[in-house]
Amino acid sequence: MRISRRPAAVVTSAAALTALTALCGCTVQPVDTDGKPRAPVHVQPPEQTSGETSGQVPGQPPASLPANPTRTAQRSPALPPAPAPRVLWSRGDSGPGVRELQARLRQAEWLFDGPTGTYGTLTEQAVRGFQGKRGLPQTGRVDSVTWERLVRMTHAPGTWELYRMGGQPAGAPDPRCMTGRVLCIDKRTRTLRWMVDGRTLSTTAVRFGSQYTPTREGVFHVYWKARHWVSTLYHSPMPYAMFFSGGQAVHYSYDFAARGYAGGSHGCVNVRDEAAIAQLFAQVRVGDKVVIHW
């Protein structure tokens, strides 16, 4: 029997052809089973992905690469916080600087007492009010910002402004106070002078009635004294009361001592210094004159 030795036909499937061209990236010219070449087929190799370039297994999530210290992002250094304003004076301080502060607060109508040279409760309240009015932090302490603002609004105080005590005015008192025993009360300067025959024996700060309950003005006389008294209308204590016109009297005020000029009376003349009113109460007699004036 004769066996024909024909060359084996090369059969290349489309899938095998694609795989071959993907590996080599070349043009493959397939041949038919009869040995005749077909039209050349060129297949582009698949694009490489970032995972393939880094050795990543296809289908797996990308592995995080170690940070390159030479390419670390340059960050701007954080700016330091602005320094807080320097505190110049606070409660408990004393000296000429505090005295000037108080004189300037009087000019700005935030303080009606002193100057005393001592930074107390009233000065702290005045500073806090001044700061709040101008949108500054209400600390009650005088820092450099608060002081600069106050200096711009006021003038350098003179000697009399720096050393007036309790608001005592300069010059002669009201002429009606120059004879006899008189409680001479000045609404403009908020002071009470105890005078005998034209001589001023003591001076103390006072406050008066509010807008709707004003303190009467004119010449009166003390008609009754009461060491311990409580108002029958307002049920508030009125120690060391010296009545001069109806229910109006000169007396010690706990509210005045605590709040200062932020409050007001119901028409009475309030004294904030308990030691001063106690001494005054002991000296004043029924029948002594009371002069209240502007």
C-alpha atoms as a PDB file:
ATOM      1  CA  MET A   1       0.000   0.000   0.000  1.00  0.00           C
ATOM      2  CA  ARG A   2       1.357   3.439  -0.972  1.00  0.00           C
ATOM      3  CA  ILE A   3       1.284   6.066   1.559  1.00  0.00           C
ATOM      4  CA  SER A   4       1.260   9.683   0.368  1.00  0.00           C
ATOM      5  CA  ARG A   5       3.658  11.910   2.342  1.00  0.00           C
ATOM      6  CA  ARG A   6       2.081  15.310   1.962  1.00  0.00           C
ATOM      7  CA  PRO A   7       3.255  18.181   4.192  1.00  0.00           C
ATOM      8  CA  ALA A   8       1.082  18.630   7.260  1.00  0.00           C
ATOM      9  CA  ALA A   9      -1.257  21.546   6.979  1.00  0.00           C
ATOM     10  CA  VAL A  10      -0.649  24.370   9.427  1.00  0.00           C
ATOM     11  CA  VAL A  11      -3.945  25.379  10.867  1.00  0.00           C
ATOM     12  CA  THR A  12      -3.974  28.517  12.968  1.00  0.00           C
ATOM     13  CA  SER A  13      -7.108  29.508  14.713  1.00  0.00           C
ATOM     14  CA  ALA A  14      -8.063  33.129  15.262  1.00  0.00           C
ATOM     15  CA  ALA A  15      -7.631  32.825  19.023  1.00  0.00           C
ATOM     16  CA  ALA A  16      -4.144  31.369  18.696  1.00  0.00           C
ATOM     17  CA  LEU A  17      -3.223  34.065  16.180  1.00  0.00           C
ATOM     18  CA  THR A  18      -4.371  36.782  18.517  1.00  0.00           C
ATOM     19  CA  ALA A  19      -2.387  35.365  21.427  1.00  0.00           C
ATOM     20  CA  LEU A  20       0.729  35.099  19.305  1.00  0.00           C
ATOM     21  CA  THR A  21       0.559  38.639  18.020  1.00  0.00           C
ATOM     22  CA  ALA A  22      -0.168  39.907  21.542  1.00  0.00           C
ATOM     23  CA  LEU A  23       3.076  38.416  22.777  1.00  0.00           C
ATOM     24  CA  CYS A  24       5.371  39.575  19.997  1.00  0.00           C
ATOM     25  CA  GLY A  25       3.623  42.704  18.746  1.00  0.00           C
ATOM     26  CA  CYS A  26       4.418  41.694  15.134  1.00  0.00           C
ATOM     27  CA  THR A  27       2.641  41.062  11.882  1.00  0.00           C
ATOM     28  CA  VAL A  28       1.783  37.441  11.308  1.00  0.00           C
ATOM     29  CA  GLN A  29       1.067  36.101   7.825  1.00  0.00           C
ATOM     30  CA  PRO A  30      -1.031  32.996   8.192  1.00  0.00           C
ATOM     31  CA  VAL A  31      -1.087  30.320   5.525  1.00  0.00           C
ATOM     32  CA  ASP A  32      -3.993  28.267   4.398  1.00  0.00           C
ATOM     33  CA  THR A  33      -4.132  24.508   4.470  1.00  0.00           C
ATOM     34  CA  ASP A  34      -3.133  24.395   0.839  1.00  0.00           C
ATOM     35  CA  GLY A  35       0.112  26.367   1.569  1.00  0.00           C
ATOM     36  CA  LYS A  36      -1.036  29.655  -0.017  1.00  0.00           C
ATOM     37  CA  PRO A  37      -0.470  32.707   2.080  1.00  0.00           C
ATOM     38  CA  ARG A  38      -3.387  34.809   3.192  1.00  0.00           C
ATOM     39  CA  ALA A  39      -3.479  38.608   3.637  1.00  0.00           C
ATOM     40  CA  PRO A  40      -1.256  39.663   6.484  1.00  0.00           C
ATOM     41  CA  VAL A  41      -2.931  40.460   9.797  1.00  0.00           C
ATOM     42  CA  HIS A  42      -1.432  43.018  12.182  1.00  0.00           C
ATOM     43  CA  VAL A  43      -2.616  43.016  15.765  1.00  0.00           C
ATOM     44  CA  GLN A  44      -1.636  45.774  18.205  1.00  0.00           C
ATOM     45  CA  PRO A  45      -0.395  44.551  21.564  1.00  0.00           C
ATOM     46  CA  PRO A  46      -2.671  45.464  24.476  1.00  0.00           C
ATOM     47  CA  GLU A  47      -1.894  48.638  26.369  1.00  0.00           C
ATOM     48  CA  GLN A  48       0.024  48.147  29.546  1.00  0.00           C
ATOM     49  CA  THR A  49      -1.615  49.297  32.723  1.00  0.00           C
ATOM     50  CA  SER A  50      -0.011  50.870  35.701  1.00  0.00           C
ATOM     51  CA  GLY A  51      -0.407  47.602  37.528  1.00  0.00           C
ATOM     52  CA  GLU A  52       1.496  45.735  34.837  1.00  0.00           C
ATOM     53  CA  THR A  53       4.339  48.233  34.795  1.00  0.00           C
ATOM     54  CA  SER A  54       4.771  47.937  38.546  1.00  0.00           C
ATOM     55  CA  GLY A  55       4.566  44.195  38.623  1.00  0.00           C
ATOM     56  CA  GLN A  56       0.937  44.202  39.752  1.00  0.00           C
ATOM     57  CA  VAL A  57      -1.050  41.073  39.103  1.00  0.00           C
ATOM     58  CA  PRO A  58      -3.919  41.901  36.708  1.00  0.00           C
ATOM     59  CA  GLY A  59      -7.263  42.056  38.446  1.00  0.00           C
ATOM     60  CA  GLN A  60      -5.749  42.899  41.853  1.00  0.00           C
ATOM     61  CA  PRO A  61      -6.097  46.315  43.529  1.00  0.00           C
ATOM     62  CA  PRO A  62      -3.042  48.571  43.134  1.00  0.00           C
ATOM     63  CA  ALA A  63      -0.492  48.286  45.909  1.00  0.00           C
ATOM     64  CA  SER A  64       0.436  51.515  47.689  1.00  0.00           C
ATOM     65  CA  LEU A  65       3.908  52.630  46.802  1.00  0.00           C
ATOM     66  CA  PRO A  66       6.375  53.710  49.473  1.00  0.00           C
ATOM     67  CA  ALA A  67       6.695  57.458  49.826  1.00  0.00           C
ATOM     68  CA  ASN A  68       9.609  58.940  48.000  1.00  0.00           C
ATOM     69  CA  PRO A  69      11.422  61.216  50.428  1.00  0.00           C
ATOM     70  CA  THR A  70      12.855  63.235  47.570  1.00  0.00           C
ATOM     71  CA  ARG A  71       9.383  64.091  46.312  1.00  0.00           C
ATOM     72  CA  THR A  72       7.592  64.824  49.565  1.00  0.00           C
ATOM     73  CA  ALA A  73       5.160  67.714  49.199  1.00  0.00           C
ATOM     74  CA  GLN A  74       6.554  70.900  50.615  1.00  0.00           C
ATOM     75  CA  ARG A  75       4.125  72.378  53.188  1.00  0.00           C
ATOM     76  CA  SER A  76       4.150  76.011  54.281  1.00  0.00           C
ATOM     77  CA  PRO A  77       5.009  76.312  57.968  1.00  0.00           C
ATOM     78  CA  ALA A  78       2.037  77.411  60.147  1.00  0.00           C
ATOM     79  CA  LEU A  79       2.185  81.062  61.182  1.00  0.00           C
ATOM     80  CA  PRO A  80       2.496  81.584  64.937  1.00  0.00           C
ATOM     81  CA  PRO A  81      -0.578  83.155  66.630  1.00  0.00           C
ATOM     82  CA  ALA A  82      -0.509  86.893  67.157  1.00  0.00           C
ATOM     83  CA  PRO A  83       0.720  87.777  70.658  1.00  0.00           C
ATOM     84  CA  ALA A  84      -1.926  88.992  73.121  1.00  0.00           C
ATOM     85  CA  PRO A  85      -1.859  92.715  73.953  1.00  0.00           C
ATOM     86  CA  ARG A  86       0.336  93.517  76.940  1.00  0.00           C
ATOM     87  CA  VAL A  87      -1.607  94.193  80.154  1.00  0.00           C
ATOM     88  CA  LEU A  88      -0.627  97.536  81.667  1.00  0.00           C
ATOM     89  CA  TRP A  89      -2.869  97.720  84.756  1.00  0.00           C
ATOM     90  CA  SER A  90      -5.434  95.491  86.421  1.00  0.00           C
ATOM     91  CA  ARG A  91      -7.379  95.281  89.655  1.00  0.00           C
ATOM     92  CA  GLY A  92      -5.147  95.670  92.707  1.00  0.00           C
ATOM     93  CA  ASP A  93      -2.543  97.863  90.985  1.00  0.00           C
ATOM     94  CA  SER A  94      -1.770 101.356  92.200  1.00  0.00           C
ATOM     95  CA  GLY A  95       0.437 104.279  91.302  1.00  0.00           C
ATOM     96  CA  PRO A  96       0.558 107.366  89.068  1.00  0.00           C
ATOM     97  CA  GLY A  97      -0.299 105.348  85.946  1.00  0.00           C
ATOM     98  CA  VAL A  98      -3.560 104.175  87.521  1.00  0.00           C
ATOM     99  CA  ARG A  99      -4.305 107.746  88.602  1.00  0.00           C
ATOM    100  CA  GLU A 100      -3.906 108.976  85.018  1.00  0.00           C
ATOM    101  CA  LEU A 101      -6.089 106.113  83.786  1.00  0.00           C
ATOM    102  CA  GLN A 102      -8.840 107.123  86.203  1.00  0.00           C
ATOM    103  CA  ALA A 103      -8.585 110.775  85.192  1.00  0.00           C
ATOM    104  CA  ARG A 104      -8.945 109.847  81.518  1.00  0.00           C
ATOM    105  CA  LEU A 105     -11.905 107.565  82.290  1.00  0.00           C
ATOM    106  CA  ARG A 106     -13.529 110.547  84.009  1.00  0.00           C
ATOM    107  CA  GLN A 107     -13.012 112.619  80.868  1.00  0.00           C
ATOM    108  CA  ALA A 108     -14.691 109.892  78.810  1.00  0.00           C
ATOM    109  CA  GLU A 109     -17.559 109.819  81.382  1.00  0.00           C
ATOM    110  CA  TRP A 110     -16.982 106.194  82.364  1.00  0.00           C
ATOM    111  CA  LEU A 111     -15.849 106.950  85.910  1.00  0.00           C
ATOM    112  CA  PHE A 112     -17.217 109.523  88.336  1.00  0.00           C
ATOM    113  CA  ASP A 113     -15.071 108.735  91.347  1.00  0.00           C
ATOM    114  CA  GLY A 114     -11.516 109.667  92.274  1.00  0.00           C
ATOM    115  CA  PRO A 115      -8.899 109.583  90.908  1.00  0.00           C
ATOM    116  CA  THR A 116      -7.636 107.582  93.869  1.00  0.00           C
ATOM    117  CA  GLY A 117      -4.545 105.965  92.331  1.00  0.00           C
ATOM    118  CA  THR A 118      -5.825 102.483  93.248  1.00  0.00           C
ATOM    119  CA  TYR A 119      -7.335 100.115  90.665  1.00  0.00           C
ATOM    120  CA  GLY A 120     -10.499  98.941  92.444  1.00  0.00           C
ATOM    121  CA  THR A 121     -13.951  97.617  91.563  1.00  0.00           C
ATOM    122  CA  LEU A 122     -15.261 100.879  90.125  1.00  0.00           C
ATOM    123  CA  THR A 123     -12.242 101.328  87.859  1.00  0.00           C
ATOM    124  CA  GLU A 124     -12.566  97.731  86.672  1.00  0.00           C
ATOM    125  CA  GLN A 125     -16.263  98.257  85.877  1.00  0.00           C
ATOM    126  CA  ALA A 126     -15.485 101.497  84.042  1.00  0.00           C
ATOM    127  CA  VAL A 127     -12.783  99.807  81.941  1.00  0.00           C
ATOM    128  CA  ARG A 128     -15.092  96.906  81.115  1.00  0.00           C
ATOM    129  CA  GLY A 129     -17.816  99.309  79.990  1.00  0.00           C
ATOM    130  CA  PHE A 130     -15.359 101.322  77.886  1.00  0.00           C
ATOM    131  CA  GLN A 131     -14.099  98.136  76.206  1.00  0.00           C
ATOM    132  CA  GLY A 132     -17.572  96.791  75.475  1.00  0.00           C
ATOM    133  CA  LYS A 133     -18.702 100.072  73.901  1.00  0.00           C
ATOM    134  CA  ARG A 134     -15.826  99.884  71.439  1.00  0.00           C
ATOM    135  CA  GLY A 135     -15.986  96.188  70.585  1.00  0.00           C
ATOM    136  CA  LEU A 136     -12.913  95.218  72.601  1.00  0.00           C
ATOM    137  CA  PRO A 137     -12.734  92.120  74.818  1.00  0.00           C
ATOM    138  CA  GLN A 138     -14.401  93.061  78.126  1.00  0.00           C
ATOM    139  CA  THR A 139     -11.651  91.889  80.445  1.00  0.00           C
ATOM    140  CA  GLY A 140     -11.708  94.779  82.901  1.00  0.00           C
ATOM    141  CA  ARG A 141      -7.917  94.961  82.523  1.00  0.00           C
ATOM    142  CA  VAL A 142      -6.180  97.787  80.678  1.00  0.00           C
ATOM    143  CA  ASP A 143      -4.050  96.346  77.903  1.00  0.00           C
ATOM    144  CA  SER A 144      -2.067  98.280  75.317  1.00  0.00           C
ATOM    145  CA  VAL A 145      -4.971  98.326  72.824  1.00  0.00           C
ATOM    146  CA  THR A 146      -7.469  99.659  75.377  1.00  0.00           C
ATOM    147  CA  TRP A 147      -5.019 102.286  76.589  1.00  0.00           C
ATOM    148  CA  GLU A 148      -4.215 103.542  73.084  1.00  0.00           C
ATOM    149  CA  ARG A 149      -7.931 103.893  72.307  1.00  0.00           C
ATOM    150  CA  LEU A 150      -8.560 105.819  75.541  1.00  0.00           C
ATOM    151  CA  VAL A 151      -5.555 108.102  74.985  1.00  0.00           C
ATOM    152  CA  ARG A 152      -6.802 109.016  71.492  1.00  0.00           C
ATOM    153  CA  MET A 153     -10.179 110.050  72.951  1.00  0.00           C
ATOM    154  CA  THR A 154      -8.880 112.139  75.858  1.00  0.00           C
ATOM    155  CA  HIS A 155      -6.282 114.753  76.730  1.00  0.00           C
ATOM    156  CA  ALA A 156      -3.396 114.605  79.175  1.00  0.00           C
ATOM    157  CA  PRO A 157      -4.905 115.362  82.612  1.00  0.00           C
ATOM    158  CA  GLY A 158      -3.649 118.327  84.597  1.00  0.00           C
ATOM    159  CA  THR A 159      -2.653 118.374  88.238  1.00  0.00           C
ATOM    160  CA  TRP A 160      -6.128 119.202  89.499  1.00  0.00           C
ATOM    161  CA  GLU A 161      -7.684 116.419  87.404  1.00  0.00           C
ATOM    162  CA  LEU A 162      -5.175 113.916  88.754  1.00  0.00           C
ATOM    163  CA  TYR A 163      -5.601 114.754  92.428  1.00  0.00           C
ATOM    164  CA  ARG A 164      -9.254 115.725  92.840  1.00  0.00           C
ATOM    165  CA  MET A 165     -10.623 113.418  95.512  1.00  0.00           C
ATOM    166  CA  GLY A 166     -14.172 112.136  95.365  1.00  0.00           C
ATOM    167  CA  GLY A 167     -15.010 114.625  92.627  1.00  0.00           C
ATOM    168  CA  GLN A 168     -14.413 117.647  94.862  1.00  0.00           C
ATOM    169  CA  PRO A 169     -14.792 120.746  92.717  1.00  0.00           C
ATOM    170  CA  ALA A 170     -12.323 123.597  92.625  1.00  0.00           C
ATOM    171  CA  GLY A 171     -13.294 127.059  93.757  1.00  0.00           C
ATOM    172  CA  ALA A 172     -15.726 128.270  96.350  1.00  0.00           C
ATOM    173  CA  PRO A 173     -18.878 126.277  97.198  1.00  0.00           C
ATOM    174  CA  ASP A 174     -22.402 127.591  96.701  1.00  0.00           C
ATOM    175  CA  PRO A 175     -22.861 130.897  98.594  1.00  0.00           C
ATOM    176  CA  ARG A 176     -25.821 129.423 100.524  1.00  0.00           C
ATOM    177  CA  CYS A 177     -23.385 126.957 102.112  1.00  0.00           C
ATOM    178  CA  MET A 178     -21.110 129.623 103.593  1.00  0.00           C
ATOM    179  CA  THR A 179     -22.955 130.192 106.837  1.00  0.00           C
ATOM    180  CA  GLY A 180     -24.015 127.840 109.618  1.00  0.00           C
ATOM    181  CA  ARG A 181     -23.914 124.044 109.653  1.00  0.00           C
ATOM    182  CA  VAL A 182     -24.610 122.797 106.156  1.00  0.00           C
ATOM    183  CA  LEU A 183     -24.744 119.601 104.126  1.00  0.00           C
ATOM    184  CA  CYS A 184     -23.691 121.215 100.831  1.00  0.00           C
ATOM    185  CA  ILE A 185     -24.541 118.823  97.985  1.00  0.00           C
ATOM    186  CA  ASP A 186     -23.376 119.526  94.412  1.00  0.00           C
ATOM    187  CA  LYS A 187     -25.169 117.591  91.668  1.00  0.00           C
ATOM    188  CA  ARG A 188     -22.670 118.616  89.005  1.00  0.00           C
ATOM    189  CA  THR A 189     -19.632 117.173  90.751  1.00  0.00           C
ATOM    190  CA  ARG A 190     -21.582 114.500  92.721  1.00  0.00           C
ATOM    191  CA  THR A 191     -20.088 115.535  96.028  1.00  0.00           C
ATOM    192  CA  LEU A 192     -21.338 116.224  99.536  1.00  0.00           C
ATOM    193  CA  ARG A 193     -19.422 118.745 101.646  1.00  0.00           C
ATOM    194  CA  TRP A 194     -19.984 118.938 105.363  1.00  0.00           C
ATOM    195  CA  MET A 195     -19.383 122.608 106.170  1.00  0.00           C
ATOM    196  CA  VAL A 196     -19.449 124.629 109.348  1.00  0.00           C
ATOM    197  CA  ASP A 197     -19.255 128.450 109.098  1.00  0.00           C
ATOM    198  CA  GLY A 198     -17.757 128.315 105.607  1.00  0.00           C
ATOM    199  CA  ARG A 199     -15.132 125.664 106.380  1.00  0.00           C
ATOM    200  CA  THR A 200     -15.225 122.267 104.675  1.00  0.00           C
ATOM    201  CA  LEU A 201     -14.734 119.555 107.289  1.00  0.00           C
ATOM    202  CA  SER A 202     -15.204 116.516 105.027  1.00  0.00           C
ATOM    203  CA  THR A 203     -16.114 115.593 101.477  1.00  0.00           C
ATOM    204  CA  THR A 204     -17.590 112.373 100.129  1.00  0.00           C
ATOM    205  CA  ALA A 205     -18.945 111.078  96.822  1.00  0.00           C
ATOM    206  CA  VAL A 206     -22.715 110.789  96.382  1.00  0.00           C
ATOM    207  CA  ARG A 207     -25.267 109.816  93.754  1.00  0.00           C
ATOM    208  CA  PHE A 208     -28.836 110.947  93.215  1.00  0.00           C
ATOM    209  CA  GLY A 209     -32.265 109.851  92.066  1.00  0.00           C
ATOM    210  CA  SER A 210     -32.939 108.387  88.653  1.00  0.00           C
ATOM    211  CA  GLN A 211     -34.707 110.169  85.785  1.00  0.00           C
ATOM    212  CA  TYR A 212     -38.195 109.325  87.052  1.00  0.00           C
ATOM    213  CA  THR A 213     -37.453 109.853  90.758  1.00  0.00           C
ATOM    214  CA  PRO A 214     -35.116 112.866  90.817  1.00  0.00           C
ATOM    215  CA  THR A 215     -33.579 114.333  93.946  1.00  0.00           C
ATOM    216  CA  ARG A 216     -35.169 117.677  94.850  1.00  0.00           C
ATOM    217  CA  GLU A 217     -33.080 120.838  94.654  1.00  0.00           C
ATOM    218  CA  GLY A 218     -33.125 123.831  96.960  1.00  0.00           C
ATOM    219  CA  VAL A 219     -32.574 124.664 100.618  1.00  0.00           C
ATOM    220  CA  PHE A 220     -33.920 122.232 103.243  1.00  0.00           C
ATOM    221  CA  HIS A 221     -33.287 121.265 106.865  1.00  0.00           C
ATOM    222  CA  VAL A 222     -32.712 117.909 108.512  1.00  0.00           C
ATOM    223  CA  TYR A 223     -36.004 117.170 110.294  1.00  0.00           C
ATOM    224  CA  TRP A 224     -35.394 113.584 111.423  1.00  0.00           C
ATOM    225  CA  LYS A 225     -32.545 111.091 111.834  1.00  0.00           C
ATOM    226  CA  ALA A 226     -32.729 107.283 111.950  1.00  0.00           C
ATOM    227  CA  ARG A 227     -29.680 105.069 112.428  1.00  0.00           C
ATOM    228  CA  HIS A 228     -31.483 101.927 111.263  1.00  0.00           C
ATOM    229  CA  TRP A 229     -34.255 102.533 108.773  1.00  0.00           C
ATOM    230  CA  VAL A 230     -35.968 100.525 106.034  1.00  0.00           C
ATOM    231  CA  SER A 231     -37.993 102.238 103.322  1.00  0.00           C
ATOM    232  CA  THR A 232     -41.723 101.732 103.797  1.00  0.00           C
ATOM    233  CA  LEU A 233     -42.278 102.120 100.028  1.00  0.00           C
ATOM    234  CA  TYR A 234     -39.417 100.110  98.524  1.00  0.00           C
ATOM    235  CA  HIS A 235     -38.500  97.924 101.532  1.00  0.00           C
ATOM    236  CA  SER A 236     -34.799  98.694 101.044  1.00  0.00           C
ATOM    237  CA  PRO A 237     -32.448  99.458 103.960  1.00  0.00           C
ATOM    238  CA  MET A 238     -31.525 103.120 104.560  1.00  0.00           C
ATOM    239  CA  PRO A 239     -28.934 103.113 107.359  1.00  0.00           C
ATOM    240  CA  TYR A 240     -27.699 106.439 108.764  1.00  0.00           C
ATOM    241  CA  ALA A 241     -30.734 108.213 107.272  1.00  0.00           C
ATOM    242  CA  MET A 242     -30.982 111.996 107.640  1.00  0.00           C
ATOM    243  CA  PHE A 243     -34.345 113.099 106.208  1.00  0.00           C
ATOM    244  CA  PHE A 244     -34.571 116.575 104.688  1.00  0.00           C
ATOM    245  CA  SER A 245     -37.656 116.580 102.357  1.00  0.00           C
ATOM    246  CA  GLY A 246     -40.537 114.145 102.715  1.00  0.00           C
ATOM    247  CA  GLY A 247     -39.164 110.657 102.160  1.00  0.00           C
ATOM    248  CA  GLN A 248     -35.874 111.892 100.705  1.00  0.00           C
ATOM    249  CA  ALA A 249     -32.832 111.554 102.913  1.00  0.00           C
ATOM    250  CA  VAL A 250     -29.063 111.414 102.916  1.00  0.00           C
ATOM    251  CA  HIS A 251     -28.127 107.807 103.793  1.00  0.00           C
ATOM    252  CA  TYR A 252     -25.684 104.970 103.196  1.00  0.00           C
ATOM    253  CA  SER A 253     -26.445 102.770 100.140  1.00  0.00           C
ATOM    254  CA  TYR A 254     -25.334  99.157  99.800  1.00  0.00           C
ATOM    255  CA  ASP A 255     -26.238  99.313  96.115  1.00  0.00           C
ATOM    256  CA  PHE A 256     -24.079 102.393  95.544  1.00  0.00           C
ATOM    257  CA  ALA A 257     -21.171 100.676  97.287  1.00  0.00           C
ATOM    258  CA  ALA A 258     -21.569  97.580  95.078  1.00  0.00           C
ATOM    259  CA  ARG A 259     -22.536  99.023  91.666  1.00  0.00           C
ATOM    260  CA  GLY A 260     -21.274 102.573  91.741  1.00  0.00           C
ATOM    261  CA  TYR A 261     -22.862 105.078  89.409  1.00  0.00           C
ATOM    262  CA  ALA A 262     -24.423 102.328  87.287  1.00  0.00           C
ATOM    263  CA  GLY A 263     -27.524 102.599  89.503  1.00  0.00           C
ATOM    264  CA  GLY A 264     -29.579 105.352  91.070  1.00  0.00           C
ATOM    265  CA  SER A 265     -31.793 106.089  94.040  1.00  0.00           C
ATOM    266  CA  HIS A 266     -35.520 106.809  94.354  1.00  0.00           C
ATOM    267  CA  GLY A 267     -34.714 110.424  95.152  1.00  0.00           C
ATOM    268  CA  CYS A 268     -32.415 110.084  98.140  1.00  0.00           C
ATOM    269  CA  VAL A 269     -28.809 111.234  98.304  1.00  0.00           C
ATOM    270  CA  ASN A 270     -26.785 107.988  98.443  1.00  0.00           C
ATOM    271  CA  VAL A 271     -23.398 107.762 100.164  1.00  0.00           C
ATOM    272  CA  ARG A 272     -21.115 104.841  99.329  1.00  0.00           C
ATOM    273  CA  ASP A 273     -18.493 105.271 102.078  1.00  0.00           C
ATOM    274  CA  GLU A 274     -19.964 103.727 105.235  1.00  0.00           C
ATOM    275  CA  ALA A 275     -17.235 105.067 107.502  1.00  0.00           C
ATOM    276  CA  ALA A 276     -17.759 108.588 106.165  1.00  0.00           C
ATOM    277  CA  ILE A 277     -21.553 108.519 106.567  1.00  0.00           C
ATOM    278  CA  ALA A 278     -21.222 107.071 110.071  1.00  0.00           C
ATOM    279  CA  GLN A 279     -18.977 109.981 111.091  1.00  0.00           C
ATOM    280  CA  LEU A 280     -21.266 112.459 109.365  1.00  0.00           C
ATOM    281  CA  PHE A 281     -24.369 111.003 111.050  1.00  0.00           C
ATOM    282  CA  ALA A 282     -22.737 111.517 114.432  1.00  0.00           C
ATOM    283  CA  GLN A 283     -22.022 115.222 113.727  1.00  0.00           C
ATOM    284  CA  VAL A 284     -25.173 116.372 111.944  1.00  0.00           C
ATOM    285  CA  ARG A 285     -28.010 117.631 114.123  1.00  0.00           C
ATOM    286  CA  VAL A 286     -31.713 117.936 113.505  1.00  0.00           C
ATOM    287  CA  GLY A 287     -32.267 121.445 112.111  1.00  0.00           C
ATOM    288  CA  ASP A 288     -28.963 121.633 110.189  1.00  0.00           C
ATOM    289  CA  LYS A 289     -29.253 123.069 106.700  1.00  0.00           C
ATOM    290  CA  VAL A 290     -29.181 121.000 103.500  1.00  0.00           C
ATOM    291  CA  VAL A 291     -28.370 122.764 100.219  1.00  0.00           C
ATOM    292  CA  ILE A 292     -28.740 120.779  96.969  1.00  0.00           C
ATOM    293  CA  HIS A 293     -27.674 122.594  93.813  1.00  0.00           C
ATOM    294  CA  TRP A 294     -26.095 122.326  90.363  1.00  0.00           C
END
